[in-house]
Every structure is written in C-alpha cells, then in structure tokens.
C-alpha cells in the first residue's frame, strides 16, 4: 500500500488547508497595510 494514495477526502482537506493559509496571509497583509496607514496618518496629524 502506498501511504499517499490520493483519496478524494484527503485532497479536499489539503485544498481547504491551502486556501485557509492563503486567506490568513491576505488578511495579515491587509491589516498590516491598514496599520501602516494609521501610523502614517498619526505622524501627519502630529506635525
């Protein structure tokens, strides 16, 4: 028996996992950009 036989369920789980990771990265990037914008605005307001 090959340990990595592609069962449909396993493939779906792997795809879902990849999508979740991608979504998390996108959310982190977006929140990072928002944080940078807020910081820039704060500095502009302080001047």
C-alpha atoms as a PDB file:
ATOM      1  CA  UNK A   1       0.000   0.000   0.000  1.00  0.00           C
ATOM      2  CA  UNK A   2       1.315   3.425  -0.859  1.00  0.00           C
ATOM      3  CA  UNK A   3       0.880   5.750   2.122  1.00  0.00           C
ATOM      4  CA  UNK A   4      -0.006   8.745  -0.050  1.00  0.00           C
ATOM      5  CA  UNK A   5      -2.872   7.424  -2.142  1.00  0.00           C
ATOM      6  CA  UNK A   6      -4.962  10.375  -3.210  1.00  0.00           C
ATOM      7  CA  UNK A   7      -8.328   9.805  -1.630  1.00  0.00           C
ATOM      8  CA  UNK A   8     -10.900  12.483  -2.536  1.00  0.00           C
ATOM      9  CA  UNK A   9     -11.398  13.473   1.109  1.00  0.00           C
ATOM     10  CA  UNK A  10      -7.681  13.961   1.705  1.00  0.00           C
ATOM     11  CA  UNK A  11      -7.334  16.063  -1.439  1.00  0.00           C
ATOM     12  CA  UNK A  12     -10.252  18.274  -0.408  1.00  0.00           C
ATOM     13  CA  UNK A  13      -8.784  18.740   3.069  1.00  0.00           C
ATOM     14  CA  UNK A  14      -5.412  19.694   1.591  1.00  0.00           C
ATOM     15  CA  UNK A  15      -7.053  22.223  -0.734  1.00  0.00           C
ATOM     16  CA  UNK A  16      -9.078  23.722   2.114  1.00  0.00           C
ATOM     17  CA  UNK A  17      -5.929  23.973   4.242  1.00  0.00           C
ATOM     18  CA  UNK A  18      -4.050  25.759   1.448  1.00  0.00           C
ATOM     19  CA  UNK A  19      -6.956  28.167   0.931  1.00  0.00           C
ATOM     20  CA  UNK A  20      -7.127  28.912   4.666  1.00  0.00           C
ATOM     21  CA  UNK A  21      -3.398  29.638   4.758  1.00  0.00           C
ATOM     22  CA  UNK A  22      -3.685  31.910   1.709  1.00  0.00           C
ATOM     23  CA  UNK A  23      -6.653  33.732   3.234  1.00  0.00           C
ATOM     24  CA  UNK A  24      -4.773  34.223   6.512  1.00  0.00           C
ATOM     25  CA  UNK A  25      -1.764  35.653   4.660  1.00  0.00           C
ATOM     26  CA  UNK A  26      -4.023  38.046   2.735  1.00  0.00           C
ATOM     27  CA  UNK A  27      -5.723  39.180   5.951  1.00  0.00           C
ATOM     28  CA  UNK A  28      -2.339  39.752   7.618  1.00  0.00           C
ATOM     29  CA  UNK A  29      -1.094  41.780   4.644  1.00  0.00           C
ATOM     30  CA  UNK A  30      -4.277  43.880   4.566  1.00  0.00           C
ATOM     31  CA  UNK A  31      -4.234  44.525   8.319  1.00  0.00           C
ATOM     32  CA  UNK A  32      -0.521  45.335   8.072  1.00  0.00           C
ATOM     33  CA  UNK A  33      -1.242  47.917   5.361  1.00  0.00           C
ATOM     34  CA  UNK A  34      -4.073  49.401   7.424  1.00  0.00           C
ATOM     35  CA  UNK A  35      -1.780  49.626  10.453  1.00  0.00           C
ATOM     36  CA  UNK A  36       0.883  51.385   8.371  1.00  0.00           C
ATOM     37  CA  UNK A  37      -1.716  53.844   7.056  1.00  0.00           C
ATOM     38  CA  UNK A  38      -2.925  54.573  10.578  1.00  0.00           C
ATOM     39  CA  UNK A  39       0.666  55.160  11.728  1.00  0.00           C
ATOM     40  CA  UNK A  40       1.342  57.491   8.792  1.00  0.00           C
ATOM     41  CA  UNK A  41      -1.859  59.427   9.488  1.00  0.00           C
ATOM     42  CA  UNK A  42      -0.880  59.697  13.148  1.00  0.00           C
ATOM     43  CA  UNK A  43       2.520  61.139  12.196  1.00  0.00           C
ATOM     44  CA  UNK A  44       0.957  63.579   9.714  1.00  0.00           C
ATOM     45  CA  UNK A  45      -1.534  64.694  12.348  1.00  0.00           C
ATOM     46  CA  UNK A  46       1.245  65.224  14.908  1.00  0.00           C
ATOM     47  CA  UNK A  47       3.197  67.564  12.624  1.00  0.00           C
END
